Amino acid sequence: MEMEKYFFCYSTNLYEFLRYTKGIVFICTAFHDKTGKRFWLFERDEVLLEALKEYNECGKQLGLHARQV
């Protein structure tokens, strides 16, 4: 599997933004085998990258530290 083609989302807030605000459909959801944290797997494309930029910008406006993708 080419990992750079996919985005693993471990944030419930980010997942909800991508899924419900932006209407981006995830490929699958699962739990990390070592940490037990749930994640959602998205295909990395231009639509997703633009949504992530928007999410990060909203976080900066609120004074939150956003993770780089």
PDB file of N, CA and C in Angstrom:
ATOM      1  N   MET A   1       0.849  -1.170   0.000  1.00  0.00           N
ATOM      2  CA  MET A   1       0.000   0.000   0.000  1.00  0.00           C
ATOM      3  C   MET A   1       0.897   1.236   0.000  1.00  0.00           C
ATOM      4  N   GLU A   2       0.638   2.171  -0.889  1.00  0.00           N
ATOM      5  CA  GLU A   2       1.373   3.428  -0.939  1.00  0.00           C
ATOM      6  C   GLU A   2       0.781   4.373   0.095  1.00  0.00           C
ATOM      7  N   MET A   3       1.479   4.525   1.213  1.00  0.00           N
ATOM      8  CA  MET A   3       0.947   5.266   2.357  1.00  0.00           C
ATOM      9  C   MET A   3       0.703   6.745   2.058  1.00  0.00           C
ATOM     10  N   GLU A   4       1.478   7.344   1.153  1.00  0.00           N
ATOM     11  CA  GLU A   4       1.297   8.770   0.860  1.00  0.00           C
ATOM     12  C   GLU A   4      -0.025   9.048   0.151  1.00  0.00           C
ATOM     13  N   LYS A   5      -0.701   8.010  -0.322  1.00  0.00           N
ATOM     14  CA  LYS A   5      -2.002   8.171  -0.981  1.00  0.00           C
ATOM     15  C   LYS A   5      -3.149   8.278   0.013  1.00  0.00           C
ATOM     16  N   TYR A   6      -2.845   8.059   1.294  1.00  0.00           N
ATOM     17  CA  TYR A   6      -3.896   7.996   2.306  1.00  0.00           C
ATOM     18  C   TYR A   6      -3.615   8.935   3.472  1.00  0.00           C
ATOM     19  N   PHE A   7      -4.689   9.358   4.121  1.00  0.00           N
ATOM     20  CA  PHE A   7      -4.591  10.202   5.308  1.00  0.00           C
ATOM     21  C   PHE A   7      -5.287   9.491   6.456  1.00  0.00           C
ATOM     22  N   PHE A   8      -4.547   9.234   7.522  1.00  0.00           N
ATOM     23  CA  PHE A   8      -5.088   8.605   8.721  1.00  0.00           C
ATOM     24  C   PHE A   8      -5.508   9.705   9.680  1.00  0.00           C
ATOM     25  N   CYS A   9      -6.780   9.786   9.960  1.00  0.00           N
ATOM     26  CA  CYS A   9      -7.331  10.827  10.819  1.00  0.00           C
ATOM     27  C   CYS A   9      -7.637  10.224  12.189  1.00  0.00           C
ATOM     28  N   TYR A  10      -6.927  10.699  13.215  1.00  0.00           N
ATOM     29  CA  TYR A  10      -7.128  10.217  14.574  1.00  0.00           C
ATOM     30  C   TYR A  10      -7.933  11.196  15.424  1.00  0.00           C
ATOM     31  N   SER A  11      -8.331  12.316  14.854  1.00  0.00           N
ATOM     32  CA  SER A  11      -9.068  13.350  15.584  1.00  0.00           C
ATOM     33  C   SER A  11     -10.559  13.264  15.271  1.00  0.00           C
ATOM     34  N   THR A  12     -11.362  13.112  16.307  1.00  0.00           N
ATOM     35  CA  THR A  12     -12.812  13.080  16.118  1.00  0.00           C
ATOM     36  C   THR A  12     -13.314  14.412  15.574  1.00  0.00           C
ATOM     37  N   ASN A  13     -12.757  15.514  16.073  1.00  0.00           N
ATOM     38  CA  ASN A  13     -13.173  16.831  15.587  1.00  0.00           C
ATOM     39  C   ASN A  13     -12.859  16.999  14.105  1.00  0.00           C
ATOM     40  N   LEU A  14     -11.663  16.601  13.706  1.00  0.00           N
ATOM     41  CA  LEU A  14     -11.281  16.702  12.298  1.00  0.00           C
ATOM     42  C   LEU A  14     -12.136  15.770  11.455  1.00  0.00           C
ATOM     43  N   TYR A  15     -12.347  14.549  11.920  1.00  0.00           N
ATOM     44  CA  TYR A  15     -13.200  13.607  11.196  1.00  0.00           C
ATOM     45  C   TYR A  15     -14.582  14.214  10.952  1.00  0.00           C
ATOM     46  N   GLU A  16     -15.187  14.789  11.993  1.00  0.00           N
ATOM     47  CA  GLU A  16     -16.522  15.369  11.848  1.00  0.00           C
ATOM     48  C   GLU A  16     -16.528  16.544  10.871  1.00  0.00           C
ATOM     49  N   PHE A  17     -15.466  17.347  10.889  1.00  0.00           N
ATOM     50  CA  PHE A  17     -15.352  18.450   9.942  1.00  0.00           C
ATOM     51  C   PHE A  17     -15.280  17.910   8.516  1.00  0.00           C
ATOM     52  N   LEU A  18     -14.412  16.935   8.297  1.00  0.00           N
ATOM     53  CA  LEU A  18     -14.248  16.380   6.950  1.00  0.00           C
ATOM     54  C   LEU A  18     -15.525  15.697   6.477  1.00  0.00           C
ATOM     55  N   ARG A  19     -16.129  14.914   7.333  1.00  0.00           N
ATOM     56  CA  ARG A  19     -17.282  14.094   6.948  1.00  0.00           C
ATOM     57  C   ARG A  19     -18.567  14.915   6.828  1.00  0.00           C
ATOM     58  N   TYR A  20     -18.855  15.698   7.856  1.00  0.00           N
ATOM     59  CA  TYR A  20     -20.166  16.345   7.909  1.00  0.00           C
ATOM     60  C   TYR A  20     -20.166  17.776   7.368  1.00  0.00           C
ATOM     61  N   THR A  21     -19.071  18.498   7.559  1.00  0.00           N
ATOM     62  CA  THR A  21     -19.015  19.865   7.034  1.00  0.00           C
ATOM     63  C   THR A  21     -18.618  19.869   5.571  1.00  0.00           C
ATOM     64  N   LYS A  22     -17.626  19.051   5.210  1.00  0.00           N
ATOM     65  CA  LYS A  22     -17.114  19.046   3.843  1.00  0.00           C
ATOM     66  C   LYS A  22     -17.693  17.917   2.989  1.00  0.00           C
ATOM     67  N   GLY A  23     -18.349  16.948   3.585  1.00  0.00           N
ATOM     68  CA  GLY A  23     -18.974  15.863   2.827  1.00  0.00           C
ATOM     69  C   GLY A  23     -17.995  14.878   2.223  1.00  0.00           C
ATOM     70  N   ILE A  24     -16.815  14.775   2.807  1.00  0.00           N
ATOM     71  CA  ILE A  24     -15.793  13.842   2.300  1.00  0.00           C
ATOM     72  C   ILE A  24     -16.037  12.470   2.927  1.00  0.00           C
ATOM     73  N   VAL A  25     -16.102  11.470   2.101  1.00  0.00           N
ATOM     74  CA  VAL A  25     -16.384  10.110   2.561  1.00  0.00           C
ATOM     75  C   VAL A  25     -15.066   9.393   2.871  1.00  0.00           C
ATOM     76  N   PHE A  26     -15.025   8.733   4.027  1.00  0.00           N
ATOM     77  CA  PHE A  26     -13.826   7.983   4.390  1.00  0.00           C
ATOM     78  C   PHE A  26     -13.866   6.593   3.772  1.00  0.00           C
ATOM     79  N   ILE A  27     -12.694   5.966   3.661  1.00  0.00           N
ATOM     80  CA  ILE A  27     -12.589   4.630   3.068  1.00  0.00           C
ATOM     81  C   ILE A  27     -13.012   3.577   4.081  1.00  0.00           C
ATOM     82  N   CYS A  28     -12.470   3.692   5.288  1.00  0.00           N
ATOM     83  CA  CYS A  28     -12.813   2.744   6.348  1.00  0.00           C
ATOM     84  C   CYS A  28     -12.447   3.351   7.689  1.00  0.00           C
ATOM     85  N   THR A  29     -12.883   2.719   8.741  1.00  0.00           N
ATOM     86  CA  THR A  29     -12.487   3.098  10.091  1.00  0.00           C
ATOM     87  C   THR A  29     -12.001   1.843  10.796  1.00  0.00           C
ATOM     88  N   ALA A  30     -11.051   2.029  11.710  1.00  0.00           N
ATOM     89  CA  ALA A  30     -10.467   0.896  12.426  1.00  0.00           C
ATOM     90  C   ALA A  30      -9.822   1.417  13.704  1.00  0.00           C
ATOM     91  N   PHE A  31      -9.210   0.511  14.442  1.00  0.00           N
ATOM     92  CA  PHE A  31      -8.496   0.863  15.661  1.00  0.00           C
ATOM     93  C   PHE A  31      -7.027   0.508  15.495  1.00  0.00           C
ATOM     94  N   HIS A  32      -6.152   1.430  15.901  1.00  0.00           N
ATOM     95  CA  HIS A  32      -4.710   1.191  15.822  1.00  0.00           C
ATOM     96  C   HIS A  32      -4.379   0.002  16.706  1.00  0.00           C
ATOM     97  N   ASP A  33      -3.589  -0.921  16.175  1.00  0.00           N
ATOM     98  CA  ASP A  33      -3.338  -2.173  16.904  1.00  0.00           C
ATOM     99  C   ASP A  33      -2.518  -1.978  18.182  1.00  0.00           C
ATOM    100  N   LYS A  34      -1.663  -0.953  18.263  1.00  0.00           N
ATOM    101  CA  LYS A  34      -0.843  -0.755  19.468  1.00  0.00           C
ATOM    102  C   LYS A  34      -1.480   0.217  20.454  1.00  0.00           C
ATOM    103  N   THR A  35      -2.077   1.298  19.955  1.00  0.00           N
ATOM    104  CA  THR A  35      -2.620   2.319  20.858  1.00  0.00           C
ATOM    105  C   THR A  35      -4.099   2.124  21.165  1.00  0.00           C
ATOM    106  N   GLY A  36      -4.793   1.411  20.298  1.00  0.00           N
ATOM    107  CA  GLY A  36      -6.219   1.216  20.480  1.00  0.00           C
ATOM    108  C   GLY A  36      -7.053   2.428  20.074  1.00  0.00           C
ATOM    109  N   LYS A  37      -6.396   3.481  19.549  1.00  0.00           N
ATOM    110  CA  LYS A  37      -7.130   4.678  19.126  1.00  0.00           C
ATOM    111  C   LYS A  37      -7.837   4.426  17.802  1.00  0.00           C
ATOM    112  N   ARG A  38      -9.045   4.922  17.723  1.00  0.00           N
ATOM    113  CA  ARG A  38      -9.821   4.808  16.484  1.00  0.00           C
ATOM    114  C   ARG A  38      -9.288   5.794  15.461  1.00  0.00           C
ATOM    115  N   PHE A  39      -9.284   5.386  14.187  1.00  0.00           N
ATOM    116  CA  PHE A  39      -8.922   6.297  13.113  1.00  0.00           C
ATOM    117  C   PHE A  39      -9.844   6.087  11.930  1.00  0.00           C
ATOM    118  N   TRP A  40      -9.885   7.105  11.078  1.00  0.00           N
ATOM    119  CA  TRP A  40     -10.640   7.059   9.835  1.00  0.00           C
ATOM    120  C   TRP A  40      -9.641   7.239   8.710  1.00  0.00           C
ATOM    121  N   LEU A  41      -9.760   6.440   7.679  1.00  0.00           N
ATOM    122  CA  LEU A  41      -8.830   6.471   6.558  1.00  0.00           C
ATOM    123  C   LEU A  41      -9.477   7.197   5.384  1.00  0.00           C
ATOM    124  N   PHE A  42      -8.808   8.247   4.912  1.00  0.00           N
ATOM    125  CA  PHE A  42      -9.285   9.034   3.783  1.00  0.00           C
ATOM    126  C   PHE A  42      -8.287   8.937   2.642  1.00  0.00           C
ATOM    127  N   GLU A  43      -8.785   9.006   1.419  1.00  0.00           N
ATOM    128  CA  GLU A  43      -7.901   9.094   0.269  1.00  0.00           C
ATOM    129  C   GLU A  43      -7.377  10.530   0.195  1.00  0.00           C
ATOM    130  N   ARG A  44      -6.066  10.664   0.039  1.00  0.00           N
ATOM    131  CA  ARG A  44      -5.439  11.983  -0.033  1.00  0.00           C
ATOM    132  C   ARG A  44      -5.570  12.503  -1.465  1.00  0.00           C
ATOM    133  N   ASP A  45      -6.391  13.548  -1.629  1.00  0.00           N
ATOM    134  CA  ASP A  45      -6.568  14.180  -2.940  1.00  0.00           C
ATOM    135  C   ASP A  45      -6.683  15.681  -2.732  1.00  0.00           C
ATOM    136  N   GLU A  46      -6.903  16.422  -3.799  1.00  0.00           N
ATOM    137  CA  GLU A  46      -6.964  17.884  -3.706  1.00  0.00           C
ATOM    138  C   GLU A  46      -8.109  18.353  -2.815  1.00  0.00           C
ATOM    139  N   VAL A  47      -9.245  17.689  -2.881  1.00  0.00           N
ATOM    140  CA  VAL A  47     -10.397  18.078  -2.059  1.00  0.00           C
ATOM    141  C   VAL A  47     -10.047  17.940  -0.576  1.00  0.00           C
ATOM    142  N   LEU A  48      -9.430  16.823  -0.221  1.00  0.00           N
ATOM    143  CA  LEU A  48      -9.039  16.598   1.170  1.00  0.00           C
ATOM    144  C   LEU A  48      -7.987  17.615   1.602  1.00  0.00           C
ATOM    145  N   LEU A  49      -6.989  17.848   0.776  1.00  0.00           N
ATOM    146  CA  LEU A  49      -5.922  18.781   1.136  1.00  0.00           C
ATOM    147  C   LEU A  49      -6.461  20.194   1.349  1.00  0.00           C
ATOM    148  N   GLU A  50      -7.396  20.613   0.521  1.00  0.00           N
ATOM    149  CA  GLU A  50      -8.009  21.930   0.696  1.00  0.00           C
ATOM    150  C   GLU A  50      -8.817  21.987   1.997  1.00  0.00           C
ATOM    151  N   ALA A  51      -9.526  20.928   2.306  1.00  0.00           N
ATOM    152  CA  ALA A  51     -10.302  20.876   3.552  1.00  0.00           C
ATOM    153  C   ALA A  51      -9.376  20.913   4.764  1.00  0.00           C
ATOM    154  N   LEU A  52      -8.241  20.223   4.692  1.00  0.00           N
ATOM    155  CA  LEU A  52      -7.283  20.239   5.800  1.00  0.00           C
ATOM    156  C   LEU A  52      -6.685  21.628   5.989  1.00  0.00           C
ATOM    157  N   LYS A  53      -6.408  22.312   4.882  1.00  0.00           N
ATOM    158  CA  LYS A  53      -5.909  23.691   4.969  1.00  0.00           C
ATOM    159  C   LYS A  53      -6.941  24.578   5.663  1.00  0.00           C
ATOM    160  N   GLU A  54      -8.192  24.434   5.251  1.00  0.00           N
ATOM    161  CA  GLU A  54      -9.267  25.231   5.851  1.00  0.00           C
ATOM    162  C   GLU A  54      -9.393  24.947   7.346  1.00  0.00           C
ATOM    163  N   TYR A  55      -9.336  23.685   7.716  1.00  0.00           N
ATOM    164  CA  TYR A  55      -9.438  23.290   9.120  1.00  0.00           C
ATOM    165  C   TYR A  55      -8.290  23.890   9.932  1.00  0.00           C
ATOM    166  N   ASN A  56      -7.081  23.829   9.370  1.00  0.00           N
ATOM    167  CA  ASN A  56      -5.909  24.388  10.052  1.00  0.00           C
ATOM    168  C   ASN A  56      -6.032  25.902  10.191  1.00  0.00           C
ATOM    169  N   GLU A  57      -6.522  26.566   9.160  1.00  0.00           N
ATOM    170  CA  GLU A  57      -6.701  28.019   9.226  1.00  0.00           C
ATOM    171  C   GLU A  57      -7.728  28.398  10.290  1.00  0.00           C
ATOM    172  N   CYS A  58      -8.804  27.653  10.378  1.00  0.00           N
ATOM    173  CA  CYS A  58      -9.817  27.909  11.412  1.00  0.00           C
ATOM    174  C   CYS A  58      -9.195  27.748  12.799  1.00  0.00           C
ATOM    175  N   GLY A  59      -8.362  26.742  12.958  1.00  0.00           N
ATOM    176  CA  GLY A  59      -7.681  26.520  14.234  1.00  0.00           C
ATOM    177  C   GLY A  59      -6.736  27.654  14.581  1.00  0.00           C
ATOM    178  N   LYS A  60      -6.006  28.157  13.590  1.00  0.00           N
ATOM    179  CA  LYS A  60      -5.090  29.284  13.828  1.00  0.00           C
ATOM    180  C   LYS A  60      -5.873  30.507  14.267  1.00  0.00           C
ATOM    181  N   GLN A  61      -7.022  30.751  13.648  1.00  0.00           N
ATOM    182  CA  GLN A  61      -7.847  31.902  14.018  1.00  0.00           C
ATOM    183  C   GLN A  61      -8.344  31.788  15.458  1.00  0.00           C
ATOM    184  N   LEU A  62      -8.520  30.550  15.923  1.00  0.00           N
ATOM    185  CA  LEU A  62      -8.981  30.327  17.290  1.00  0.00           C
ATOM    186  C   LEU A  62      -7.821  30.229  18.271  1.00  0.00           C
ATOM    187  N   GLY A  63      -6.586  30.318  17.757  1.00  0.00           N
ATOM    188  CA  GLY A  63      -5.415  30.230  18.615  1.00  0.00           C
ATOM    189  C   GLY A  63      -4.994  28.828  18.946  1.00  0.00           C
ATOM    190  N   LEU A  64      -5.441  27.860  18.167  1.00  0.00           N
ATOM    191  CA  LEU A  64      -5.083  26.466  18.388  1.00  0.00           C
ATOM    192  C   LEU A  64      -3.853  26.110  17.557  1.00  0.00           C
ATOM    193  N   HIS A  65      -3.111  25.139  18.022  1.00  0.00           N
ATOM    194  CA  HIS A  65      -1.944  24.664  17.271  1.00  0.00           C
ATOM    195  C   HIS A  65      -2.386  23.505  16.394  1.00  0.00           C
ATOM    196  N   ALA A  66      -2.223  23.647  15.095  1.00  0.00           N
ATOM    197  CA  ALA A  66      -2.650  22.616  14.146  1.00  0.00           C
ATOM    198  C   ALA A  66      -1.458  21.759  13.744  1.00  0.00           C
ATOM    199  N   ARG A  67      -1.713  20.506  13.504  1.00  0.00           N
ATOM    200  CA  ARG A  67      -0.697  19.559  13.058  1.00  0.00           C
ATOM    201  C   ARG A  67      -0.515  19.690  11.560  1.00  0.00           C
ATOM    202  N   GLN A  68       0.720  19.673  11.113  1.00  0.00           N
ATOM    203  CA  GLN A  68       0.997  19.728   9.673  1.00  0.00           C
ATOM    204  C   GLN A  68       0.760  18.357   9.056  1.00  0.00           C
ATOM    205  N   VAL A  69       0.219  18.332   7.842  1.00  0.00           N
ATOM    206  CA  VAL A  69      -0.028  17.058   7.155  1.00  0.00           C
ATOM    207  C   VAL A  69       0.835  16.951   5.932  1.00  0.00           C
TER     208      VAL A  69
END
